[in-house]
Amino acid sequence: MEKISANKLAAVLGCQIAKPIDVEIDDVVTDSRKVTSSSLFIALKGERFDGHNFVPAVIDSGCPLVVVERLIEGVPAERQLVVEDTLKAYGKIGAYNRSLYKGTVIGLTGSAGKTTTKEEIAFLLRQFACVYATGGNHNNFVGVPQSLCELDMNSRYAVIEMGMSAEGEIAYLTNLVKPDIAVITNVYPMHIEFFADFKGIAEAKAEIFQGLPENGGIAVINADTNFSDVLQQRAAEHNATIMLFGKDYQPMAKFTTPEPGEQYRYNAWCALKVVEALGLDVFKAATFIKDFGALDGRGKQHVLKLPHGGIYTLIDDSYSGQPEAMKLAIKSLAAANCEGRKIAVLGKMAELGDTSLAQHQSVGKLLAQTDIDIVVGVCEEMKDMLAELPATKTQYYFANKDGVAQFLLNKLLQNGDKVLIKGARYSSQLYQVTDELLKKGEG
């Protein structure tokens, strides 16, 4: 965060301070445990906590200034900036810091693969200049302001990820980010239960173009995704220069992905299109794609030890699970080389609304056509998937993630096996299965 005075902060937030104080902050935090003598603490309210309860403690620990929705008793009034909504105040501060940034901002959204694509874009751009990127998947109403407040002002490029689950969310976030280049990786029926129809998801993703410069920025769009025509139309309405990537819009530069699978090719095509949009050397960038590996929880492969001897390969794709990404992961497993058996451990897919039954069945129908040897379904919804499998394909069912890791390690896995784990992160909790397998199989 660029240094800012208390009085300037009050002006940015549109509030008054009790009396002028000589304080400058260069750090914005929402975790009371991380405050310093130059921090601004923002008292956010969540489902399980209220930052207002920690205000006295952070002031006592030396924090000079707080943003609150009400004056806190026992705390000097001049140390408190009172606003109507602390979350929106966080966004205003992030937007202000963004306005001071002189580099180029790449804003990115999509239904799947956002974080991996964001990291690949940043990885390739680092071959040319200093790059700042959103940490992890901090892409929501809290994460985006945090990313903007933590901007490295010395970087040449900043890659900011934005996520959504409802209409209007990307519009709000892109107004904070103000990207010079807006990227949409894909449009899938994720969070569809919150929309009237599938097209509504595309319209919500297209809100990212509202943040582009008025004289027209650059829109990087997946030509092959659902409603690509809608995305392109919305980008054109905002005077954007449209650059497409996809099967018919591949770069001339040849490259090799470190992992097999269509999703990895699309990630690379997207990243290279951003490189091209910035006028950088696409051929040089392409030579580095082979060095970009999958991220934890997003397809990263681990060779692990079995308790009874031997090794197996774990494909950890447990961060999220939605229909198209699930199918891509299954196709990648089916196409992979494997000395032993191919095993898919799949958890429920969430937020699918009335399409849930059909979507789980469609995954089962795809599995039925592959050479994957064993399928393990986790959660009630996966019974619909398993029902589509032929009797010749071995299958197991678990009501929840409990006991799955022990079953895999002690009863199912053999030397040379390759196992994919994928499912909705919080609904299936299969990430806890991967955590246990990693803990017991590494070293």
Foldseek 3Di string as FASTA:
>chain_A
DPKDAPVVLCVLQVFDAPDHDGAIAQEEDQDLVPADLRYEHEFADDPVDTRLVCVVVSVVVRHQAYEEQDDDPPDPRRRYTHHNHSLVSLLSVLLVLLVPAPAAEEEEEEDDDQQVLLVLLCVLCVVPWFEAEQDDPLAFSNRLSNSSSPDDSRTRYYYYYHYDLEAPRLLSSLLSNLHLEYEYLAQDCASVLRDPDSVRSVVRSLSNLVSYDQCEHAYEYEPPHPPSVVSVVSNVVSVYHYQYFDPVRADPADADALADFPVLVSSLRSSLSVCVSVVHDSNVSRHCNNVRAADALCQGKDWFAFPVGAIEIEGRVAAADDQVSLLRVLVRQLPDDWPDAEEEEEEAHDSNPPCRLVSLCVSLLSNQPGRHAEYEYEAPSNVSSVVSHDPNHHYYYYNALPPVLVCCRPPNDDHGYYYYYYHGCPVRVCVVSVVVRCVVTDD
